[in-house]
């Protein structure tokens, strides 16, 4: 009986989480994305996500370097190590 109850609870939690994801009230991550910060009172709320100025600048630089013509991941890593 207890195993059946655990199965029911797990299924209800899964369905509830999916419903929150669909309505946009639950963020799909468990760790904060790089270059971002969240509201400490509501860490899984998508509306509380903000770009961290310092980390966001680094992430933008990495993306810009990678998207440049002829760029490779190795070249991006080498440039970051050099800095």
N, C-alpha and C. Protein backbone atom coordinates (compact mmCIF):
# COMPACT_ATOMS: atom_id res chain seq x y z
N UNK A 1 0.82 -1.20 0.00
CA UNK A 1 0.00 0.00 0.00
C UNK A 1 0.87 1.26 0.00
N UNK A 2 1.94 1.26 0.80
CA UNK A 2 2.81 2.42 0.88
C UNK A 2 3.50 2.69 -0.45
N UNK A 3 3.89 1.63 -1.14
CA UNK A 3 4.54 1.79 -2.44
C UNK A 3 3.57 2.41 -3.45
N UNK A 4 2.34 2.00 -3.41
CA UNK A 4 1.32 2.57 -4.29
C UNK A 4 1.13 4.06 -4.00
N UNK A 5 1.09 4.43 -2.74
CA UNK A 5 0.95 5.85 -2.36
C UNK A 5 2.15 6.66 -2.86
N UNK A 6 3.36 6.12 -2.71
CA UNK A 6 4.55 6.82 -3.20
C UNK A 6 4.47 7.05 -4.70
N UNK A 7 3.98 6.05 -5.42
CA UNK A 7 3.84 6.18 -6.87
C UNK A 7 2.83 7.27 -7.21
N UNK A 8 1.71 7.30 -6.51
CA UNK A 8 0.70 8.34 -6.75
C UNK A 8 1.26 9.73 -6.46
N UNK A 9 1.97 9.88 -5.35
CA UNK A 9 2.54 11.18 -4.97
C UNK A 9 3.56 11.63 -6.01
N UNK A 10 4.41 10.71 -6.45
CA UNK A 10 5.43 11.06 -7.45
C UNK A 10 4.77 11.51 -8.75
N UNK A 11 3.72 10.82 -9.16
CA UNK A 11 3.02 11.19 -10.40
C UNK A 11 2.35 12.55 -10.26
N UNK A 12 1.74 12.81 -9.13
CA UNK A 12 1.10 14.12 -8.91
C UNK A 12 2.13 15.25 -8.91
N UNK A 13 3.28 15.02 -8.28
CA UNK A 13 4.34 16.04 -8.28
C UNK A 13 4.85 16.29 -9.69
N UNK A 14 5.03 15.23 -10.48
CA UNK A 14 5.50 15.38 -11.85
C UNK A 14 4.51 16.18 -12.68
N UNK A 15 3.22 15.83 -12.58
CA UNK A 15 2.21 16.56 -13.33
C UNK A 15 2.10 18.01 -12.87
N UNK A 16 2.21 18.25 -11.57
CA UNK A 16 2.16 19.62 -11.07
C UNK A 16 3.34 20.46 -11.57
N UNK A 17 4.52 19.86 -11.58
CA UNK A 17 5.70 20.58 -12.08
C UNK A 17 5.57 20.90 -13.56
N UNK A 18 5.08 19.94 -14.35
CA UNK A 18 4.88 20.19 -15.77
C UNK A 18 3.85 21.29 -16.01
N UNK A 19 2.79 21.30 -15.21
CA UNK A 19 1.77 22.34 -15.35
C UNK A 19 2.36 23.71 -15.04
N UNK A 20 3.19 23.80 -14.01
CA UNK A 20 3.82 25.09 -13.67
C UNK A 20 4.78 25.53 -14.77
N UNK A 21 5.53 24.59 -15.36
CA UNK A 21 6.41 24.94 -16.47
C UNK A 21 5.62 25.49 -17.64
N UNK A 22 4.51 24.86 -17.96
CA UNK A 22 3.68 25.31 -19.10
C UNK A 22 3.09 26.70 -18.88
N UNK A 23 2.75 27.03 -17.65
CA UNK A 23 2.15 28.34 -17.38
C UNK A 23 3.21 29.42 -17.15
N UNK A 24 4.49 29.02 -17.06
CA UNK A 24 5.55 29.99 -16.89
C UNK A 24 5.77 30.43 -15.45
N UNK A 25 5.32 29.66 -14.49
CA UNK A 25 5.52 30.03 -13.09
C UNK A 25 6.66 29.26 -12.44
N UNK A 26 7.32 28.39 -13.20
CA UNK A 26 8.43 27.62 -12.67
C UNK A 26 9.53 27.57 -13.72
N UNK A 27 10.73 27.94 -13.33
CA UNK A 27 11.85 27.91 -14.26
C UNK A 27 12.30 26.47 -14.48
N UNK A 28 12.76 26.15 -15.70
CA UNK A 28 13.12 24.77 -16.00
C UNK A 28 14.51 24.36 -15.51
N UNK A 29 15.19 25.18 -14.76
CA UNK A 29 16.53 24.83 -14.29
C UNK A 29 16.56 24.61 -12.78
N UNK A 30 17.58 23.90 -12.34
CA UNK A 30 17.79 23.74 -10.90
C UNK A 30 18.96 24.60 -10.45
N UNK A 31 19.84 24.94 -11.39
CA UNK A 31 20.93 25.87 -11.11
C UNK A 31 20.73 27.11 -11.98
N UNK A 32 21.14 28.25 -11.47
CA UNK A 32 20.97 29.51 -12.18
C UNK A 32 21.84 29.50 -13.44
N UNK A 33 21.31 29.92 -14.59
CA UNK A 33 22.12 29.97 -15.81
C UNK A 33 23.30 30.93 -15.63
N UNK A 34 24.41 30.63 -16.29
CA UNK A 34 25.60 31.47 -16.21
C UNK A 34 25.27 32.89 -16.66
N UNK A 35 25.80 33.86 -15.95
CA UNK A 35 25.58 35.25 -16.29
C UNK A 35 24.28 35.82 -15.76
N UNK A 36 23.59 35.06 -14.95
CA UNK A 36 22.29 35.50 -14.43
C UNK A 36 22.26 35.41 -12.91
N UNK A 37 21.29 36.07 -12.35
CA UNK A 37 21.01 35.93 -10.92
C UNK A 37 19.50 35.95 -10.75
N UNK A 38 19.04 35.38 -9.65
CA UNK A 38 17.61 35.27 -9.41
C UNK A 38 17.26 35.93 -8.09
N UNK A 39 15.97 36.17 -7.91
CA UNK A 39 15.46 36.70 -6.65
C UNK A 39 15.66 35.63 -5.59
N UNK A 40 16.39 35.91 -4.50
CA UNK A 40 16.65 34.89 -3.49
C UNK A 40 15.38 34.37 -2.80
N UNK A 41 14.32 35.15 -2.78
CA UNK A 41 13.08 34.71 -2.16
C UNK A 41 12.29 33.75 -3.05
N UNK A 42 12.49 33.86 -4.37
CA UNK A 42 11.79 33.00 -5.32
C UNK A 42 12.77 32.56 -6.40
N UNK A 43 13.69 31.64 -6.08
CA UNK A 43 14.75 31.28 -7.02
C UNK A 43 14.30 30.54 -8.27
N UNK A 44 13.12 29.95 -8.27
CA UNK A 44 12.66 29.21 -9.46
C UNK A 44 11.64 30.01 -10.28
N UNK A 45 11.42 31.27 -9.93
CA UNK A 45 10.46 32.09 -10.68
C UNK A 45 11.15 32.71 -11.89
N UNK A 46 10.67 32.43 -13.10
CA UNK A 46 11.31 32.96 -14.31
C UNK A 46 11.34 34.48 -14.37
N UNK A 47 10.35 35.14 -13.78
CA UNK A 47 10.31 36.60 -13.84
C UNK A 47 11.36 37.26 -12.95
N UNK A 48 11.93 36.50 -12.01
CA UNK A 48 12.94 37.05 -11.12
C UNK A 48 14.36 36.95 -11.65
N UNK A 49 14.52 36.44 -12.86
CA UNK A 49 15.86 36.28 -13.45
C UNK A 49 16.33 37.61 -14.01
N UNK A 50 17.55 38.00 -13.64
CA UNK A 50 18.16 39.22 -14.14
C UNK A 50 19.58 38.91 -14.59
N UNK A 51 20.07 39.66 -15.55
CA UNK A 51 21.44 39.48 -16.01
C UNK A 51 22.38 40.12 -14.99
N UNK A 52 23.36 39.35 -14.55
CA UNK A 52 24.38 39.88 -13.65
C UNK A 52 25.32 40.73 -14.52
N UNK A 53 25.55 41.99 -14.18
CA UNK A 53 26.34 42.86 -15.05
C UNK A 53 27.74 42.33 -15.35
N UNK A 54 28.46 41.87 -14.35
CA UNK A 54 29.83 41.40 -14.56
C UNK A 54 29.86 40.08 -15.33
N UNK A 55 29.12 39.10 -14.84
CA UNK A 55 29.12 37.80 -15.50
C UNK A 55 28.46 37.87 -16.88
N UNK A 56 27.44 38.69 -17.01
CA UNK A 56 26.76 38.84 -18.29
C UNK A 56 27.68 39.39 -19.36
N UNK A 57 28.55 40.31 -18.99
CA UNK A 57 29.50 40.87 -19.95
C UNK A 57 30.47 39.80 -20.45
N UNK A 58 30.91 38.94 -19.54
CA UNK A 58 31.82 37.86 -19.93
C UNK A 58 31.12 36.88 -20.86
N UNK A 59 29.89 36.53 -20.54
CA UNK A 59 29.12 35.60 -21.39
C UNK A 59 28.91 36.20 -22.77
N UNK A 60 28.60 37.49 -22.83
CA UNK A 60 28.42 38.15 -24.13
C UNK A 60 29.71 38.13 -24.93
N UNK A 61 30.84 38.36 -24.26
CA UNK A 61 32.13 38.32 -24.96
C UNK A 61 32.42 36.93 -25.50
N UNK A 62 32.16 35.91 -24.70
CA UNK A 62 32.38 34.53 -25.15
C UNK A 62 31.54 34.23 -26.39
N UNK A 63 30.27 34.61 -26.34
CA UNK A 63 29.39 34.36 -27.49
C UNK A 63 29.83 35.13 -28.72
N UNK A 64 30.21 36.38 -28.54
CA UNK A 64 30.66 37.19 -29.68
C UNK A 64 31.92 36.61 -30.29
N UNK A 65 32.86 36.18 -29.45
CA UNK A 65 34.09 35.57 -29.99
C UNK A 65 33.78 34.28 -30.73
N UNK A 66 32.89 33.48 -30.18
CA UNK A 66 32.57 32.20 -30.81
C UNK A 66 31.84 32.39 -32.14
N UNK A 67 30.98 33.41 -32.22
CA UNK A 67 30.23 33.65 -33.44
C UNK A 67 31.03 34.36 -34.52
N UNK A 68 32.22 34.86 -34.17
CA UNK A 68 33.08 35.52 -35.16
C UNK A 68 33.50 34.49 -36.22
N UNK A 69 33.73 34.97 -37.44
CA UNK A 69 34.11 34.08 -38.53
C UNK A 69 35.39 33.31 -38.20
N UNK A 70 35.34 32.02 -38.41
CA UNK A 70 36.53 31.19 -38.22
C UNK A 70 36.88 30.90 -36.77
N UNK A 71 36.03 31.25 -35.83
CA UNK A 71 36.33 31.02 -34.42
C UNK A 71 36.10 29.56 -34.06
N UNK A 72 36.93 29.08 -33.14
CA UNK A 72 36.77 27.73 -32.62
C UNK A 72 36.65 27.84 -31.10
N UNK A 73 36.16 26.78 -30.49
CA UNK A 73 36.07 26.78 -29.03
C UNK A 73 37.46 26.89 -28.42
N UNK A 74 38.43 26.24 -29.04
CA UNK A 74 39.81 26.31 -28.54
C UNK A 74 40.35 27.73 -28.57
N UNK A 75 40.04 28.49 -29.62
CA UNK A 75 40.49 29.87 -29.72
C UNK A 75 39.82 30.74 -28.64
N UNK A 76 38.56 30.49 -28.39
CA UNK A 76 37.84 31.25 -27.36
C UNK A 76 38.44 30.95 -25.99
N UNK A 77 38.71 29.68 -25.69
CA UNK A 77 39.30 29.31 -24.42
C UNK A 77 40.69 29.91 -24.28
N UNK A 78 41.48 29.88 -25.34
CA UNK A 78 42.83 30.46 -25.30
C UNK A 78 42.78 31.95 -25.01
N UNK A 79 41.82 32.65 -25.61
CA UNK A 79 41.68 34.11 -25.40
C UNK A 79 41.29 34.38 -23.95
N UNK A 80 40.39 33.56 -23.41
CA UNK A 80 39.98 33.76 -22.00
C UNK A 80 41.12 33.47 -21.05
N UNK A 81 41.91 32.44 -21.33
CA UNK A 81 43.06 32.12 -20.47
C UNK A 81 44.09 33.23 -20.53
N UNK A 82 44.27 33.82 -21.70
CA UNK A 82 45.24 34.89 -21.87
C UNK A 82 44.84 36.12 -21.06
N UNK A 83 43.55 36.39 -20.98
CA UNK A 83 43.06 37.53 -20.19
C UNK A 83 43.28 37.28 -18.74
